[in-house]
N, C-alpha and C. Protein backbone atom coordinates (compact mmCIF):
# COMPACT_ATOMS: atom_id res chain seq x y z
N MET A 1 146.93 111.43 51.36
CA MET A 1 146.17 111.57 52.57
C MET A 1 147.05 111.25 53.76
N ARG A 2 146.72 111.90 54.85
CA ARG A 2 147.49 111.68 56.06
C ARG A 2 146.91 110.53 56.85
N ASP A 3 147.78 109.85 57.52
CA ASP A 3 147.36 108.72 58.36
C ASP A 3 147.08 109.25 59.76
N VAL A 4 145.88 109.77 59.98
CA VAL A 4 145.50 110.37 61.26
C VAL A 4 144.43 109.49 61.90
N GLU A 5 144.62 109.25 63.19
CA GLU A 5 143.64 108.41 63.91
C GLU A 5 142.34 109.20 64.09
N SER A 6 141.25 108.57 63.82
CA SER A 6 139.95 109.21 63.94
C SER A 6 139.55 109.32 65.41
N PRO A 7 138.93 110.42 65.82
CA PRO A 7 138.52 110.58 67.22
C PRO A 7 137.26 109.79 67.57
N LYS A 8 136.61 109.16 66.62
CA LYS A 8 135.36 108.45 66.88
C LYS A 8 135.51 107.29 67.86
N PRO A 9 136.52 106.43 67.77
CA PRO A 9 136.64 105.35 68.75
C PRO A 9 136.83 105.87 70.17
N ARG A 10 137.57 106.95 70.34
CA ARG A 10 137.75 107.51 71.68
C ARG A 10 136.44 108.04 72.23
N ARG A 11 135.67 108.68 71.39
CA ARG A 11 134.37 109.20 71.83
C ARG A 11 133.43 108.05 72.21
N LEU A 12 133.48 106.99 71.43
CA LEU A 12 132.63 105.83 71.71
C LEU A 12 133.00 105.20 73.05
N ILE A 13 134.29 105.06 73.30
CA ILE A 13 134.74 104.49 74.58
C ILE A 13 134.35 105.40 75.73
N ALA A 14 134.55 106.71 75.57
CA ALA A 14 134.20 107.67 76.62
C ALA A 14 132.70 107.64 76.89
N ALA A 15 131.90 107.61 75.84
CA ALA A 15 130.45 107.59 76.02
C ALA A 15 130.00 106.30 76.71
N THR A 16 130.63 105.19 76.37
CA THR A 16 130.30 103.91 77.00
C THR A 16 130.64 103.92 78.49
N LEU A 17 131.83 104.44 78.82
CA LEU A 17 132.23 104.51 80.23
C LEU A 17 131.33 105.44 81.03
N ILE A 18 130.98 106.57 80.47
CA ILE A 18 130.09 107.52 81.16
C ILE A 18 128.71 106.89 81.35
N GLY A 19 128.21 106.24 80.32
CA GLY A 19 126.90 105.58 80.43
C GLY A 19 126.89 104.49 81.49
N ALA A 20 127.97 103.71 81.56
CA ALA A 20 128.06 102.67 82.58
C ALA A 20 128.13 103.27 83.97
N ALA A 21 128.87 104.37 84.13
CA ALA A 21 128.97 105.03 85.44
C ALA A 21 127.61 105.58 85.88
N VAL A 22 126.87 106.15 84.96
CA VAL A 22 125.54 106.68 85.28
C VAL A 22 124.60 105.54 85.67
N ALA A 23 124.65 104.43 84.96
CA ALA A 23 123.78 103.29 85.27
C ALA A 23 124.10 102.70 86.63
N VAL A 24 125.38 102.56 86.95
CA VAL A 24 125.77 102.00 88.25
C VAL A 24 125.37 102.94 89.38
N SER A 25 125.61 104.24 89.21
CA SER A 25 125.26 105.18 90.28
C SER A 25 123.75 105.26 90.47
N ALA A 26 122.97 105.14 89.42
CA ALA A 26 121.52 105.15 89.56
C ALA A 26 121.04 103.92 90.30
N GLY A 27 121.68 102.79 90.07
CA GLY A 27 121.32 101.56 90.79
C GLY A 27 121.66 101.64 92.26
N VAL A 28 122.78 102.25 92.59
CA VAL A 28 123.19 102.37 93.99
C VAL A 28 122.31 103.36 94.73
N VAL A 29 122.00 104.48 94.11
CA VAL A 29 121.17 105.51 94.76
C VAL A 29 119.74 105.02 94.91
N GLY A 30 119.22 104.28 93.94
CA GLY A 30 117.84 103.84 93.97
C GLY A 30 117.59 102.59 94.77
N ALA A 31 118.63 101.92 95.25
CA ALA A 31 118.46 100.68 96.01
C ALA A 31 117.92 100.98 97.41
N PRO A 32 116.91 100.24 97.85
CA PRO A 32 116.37 100.46 99.20
C PRO A 32 117.35 99.98 100.27
N SER A 33 117.26 100.58 101.41
CA SER A 33 118.15 100.22 102.52
C SER A 33 117.73 98.88 103.10
N ALA A 34 118.70 98.03 103.40
CA ALA A 34 118.41 96.71 103.96
C ALA A 34 118.03 96.80 105.42
N SER A 35 118.30 97.90 106.07
CA SER A 35 118.00 98.03 107.49
C SER A 35 116.70 98.79 107.75
N ALA A 36 115.84 98.90 106.75
CA ALA A 36 114.60 99.65 106.91
C ALA A 36 113.69 99.02 107.96
N ASP A 37 113.59 97.71 108.00
CA ASP A 37 112.74 97.00 108.96
C ASP A 37 113.56 95.87 109.56
N PRO A 38 114.16 96.08 110.73
CA PRO A 38 115.05 95.06 111.28
C PRO A 38 114.37 93.73 111.56
N SER A 39 113.10 93.74 111.95
CA SER A 39 112.40 92.49 112.22
C SER A 39 110.93 92.63 111.85
N ALA A 40 110.51 91.87 110.87
CA ALA A 40 109.11 91.91 110.47
C ALA A 40 108.22 91.27 111.52
N PHE A 41 108.79 90.46 112.42
CA PHE A 41 108.01 89.75 113.42
C PHE A 41 108.27 90.28 114.83
N GLY A 42 108.79 91.48 114.95
CA GLY A 42 109.13 92.05 116.25
C GLY A 42 107.92 92.28 117.14
N ALA A 43 106.75 92.53 116.56
CA ALA A 43 105.57 92.83 117.36
C ALA A 43 104.82 91.57 117.80
N LEU A 44 105.17 90.42 117.26
CA LEU A 44 104.48 89.19 117.62
C LEU A 44 104.98 88.66 118.95
N SER A 45 104.06 88.22 119.76
CA SER A 45 104.44 87.62 121.03
C SER A 45 103.38 86.60 121.42
N CYS A 46 103.67 85.82 122.42
CA CYS A 46 102.74 84.80 122.88
C CYS A 46 102.75 84.80 124.40
N ASN A 47 101.57 84.91 124.98
CA ASN A 47 101.45 84.82 126.43
C ASN A 47 100.68 83.55 126.79
N CYS A 48 100.98 82.49 126.07
CA CYS A 48 100.30 81.21 126.24
C CYS A 48 100.71 80.55 127.56
N GLN A 49 99.77 79.77 128.08
CA GLN A 49 100.09 78.97 129.25
C GLN A 49 100.91 77.78 128.78
N GLU A 50 101.79 77.32 129.63
CA GLU A 50 102.59 76.15 129.25
C GLU A 50 101.69 74.92 129.23
N THR A 51 101.97 74.05 128.28
CA THR A 51 101.21 72.81 128.17
C THR A 51 102.10 71.65 128.60
N ALA A 52 101.48 70.53 128.75
CA ALA A 52 102.22 69.33 129.17
C ALA A 52 103.13 68.87 128.05
N ALA A 53 104.13 68.11 128.41
CA ALA A 53 105.08 67.58 127.43
C ALA A 53 104.39 66.61 126.48
N PRO A 54 104.81 66.59 125.22
CA PRO A 54 104.22 65.66 124.26
C PRO A 54 104.38 64.21 124.72
N GLY A 55 103.29 63.45 124.61
CA GLY A 55 103.32 62.04 124.98
C GLY A 55 103.10 61.77 126.45
N SER A 56 103.00 62.82 127.26
CA SER A 56 102.82 62.62 128.70
C SER A 56 101.35 62.35 129.01
N PRO A 57 101.06 61.72 130.15
CA PRO A 57 99.66 61.48 130.53
C PRO A 57 98.86 62.77 130.66
N ALA A 58 99.51 63.84 131.13
CA ALA A 58 98.80 65.11 131.26
C ALA A 58 98.38 65.65 129.89
N ARG A 59 99.22 65.50 128.88
CA ARG A 59 98.88 65.96 127.54
C ARG A 59 97.72 65.15 126.99
N LYS A 60 97.75 63.84 127.21
CA LYS A 60 96.65 62.98 126.74
C LYS A 60 95.34 63.38 127.41
N GLU A 61 95.40 63.76 128.68
CA GLU A 61 94.21 64.19 129.40
C GLU A 61 93.68 65.51 128.82
N GLU A 62 94.58 66.44 128.48
CA GLU A 62 94.16 67.70 127.87
C GLU A 62 93.45 67.45 126.53
N VAL A 63 93.99 66.55 125.74
CA VAL A 63 93.37 66.22 124.46
C VAL A 63 92.01 65.59 124.67
N ALA A 64 91.92 64.67 125.61
CA ALA A 64 90.64 64.01 125.89
C ALA A 64 89.61 65.02 126.37
N GLN A 65 90.00 65.96 127.23
CA GLN A 65 89.07 66.99 127.70
C GLN A 65 88.59 67.85 126.54
N GLY A 66 89.50 68.21 125.64
CA GLY A 66 89.12 69.02 124.49
C GLY A 66 88.13 68.31 123.59
N ILE A 67 88.33 67.01 123.39
CA ILE A 67 87.40 66.23 122.57
C ILE A 67 86.05 66.13 123.25
N GLN A 68 86.03 65.88 124.56
CA GLN A 68 84.77 65.78 125.29
C GLN A 68 84.02 67.10 125.26
N GLN A 69 84.72 68.21 125.44
CA GLN A 69 84.06 69.52 125.40
C GLN A 69 83.49 69.79 124.02
N SER A 70 84.21 69.40 123.00
CA SER A 70 83.74 69.60 121.64
C SER A 70 82.49 68.77 121.36
N MET A 71 82.51 67.51 121.81
CA MET A 71 81.36 66.63 121.59
C MET A 71 80.15 67.11 122.38
N ALA A 72 80.37 67.72 123.53
CA ALA A 72 79.27 68.20 124.36
C ALA A 72 78.77 69.57 123.90
N GLY A 73 79.44 70.16 122.92
CA GLY A 73 79.01 71.46 122.41
C GLY A 73 79.52 72.63 123.23
N GLN A 74 80.40 72.37 124.14
CA GLN A 74 80.98 73.44 124.95
C GLN A 74 82.12 74.07 124.16
N SER A 75 82.20 75.35 124.27
CA SER A 75 83.33 76.01 123.62
C SER A 75 84.22 76.61 124.69
N SER A 76 85.49 76.49 124.47
CA SER A 76 86.44 77.10 125.39
C SER A 76 87.38 77.96 124.57
N PRO A 77 87.91 79.01 125.18
CA PRO A 77 88.82 79.87 124.41
C PRO A 77 90.07 79.10 124.01
N PRO A 78 90.61 79.41 122.87
CA PRO A 78 91.83 78.71 122.44
C PRO A 78 92.99 79.01 123.38
N ARG A 79 93.82 78.00 123.58
CA ARG A 79 94.97 78.17 124.47
C ARG A 79 96.00 79.11 123.89
N HIS A 80 96.21 79.05 122.59
CA HIS A 80 97.27 79.81 121.95
C HIS A 80 96.67 80.96 121.14
N ALA A 81 96.35 82.03 121.82
CA ALA A 81 95.80 83.20 121.14
C ALA A 81 96.94 84.16 120.83
N VAL A 82 96.96 84.65 119.59
CA VAL A 82 97.98 85.62 119.20
C VAL A 82 97.51 86.98 119.68
N GLY A 83 98.35 87.66 120.42
CA GLY A 83 97.92 88.93 121.00
C GLY A 83 98.75 90.04 120.70
């Protein structure tokens, strides 16, 4: 018998490389674009009035007024409305 190398290992290597190339290209083509939505929060904004600094007498007065209005049953629109 002749000592001839079998073509099966070459075919197996070629098939493996082709399969890997197809898998990689399918992953690249099927991947969604990262720039599809640049900012999910782009439409959010706030037109709130400025409030007093934390810990200031004016802030304490605002809190006291809110509590008094709540206890008296008065309702006032929220200061921070999302629009």
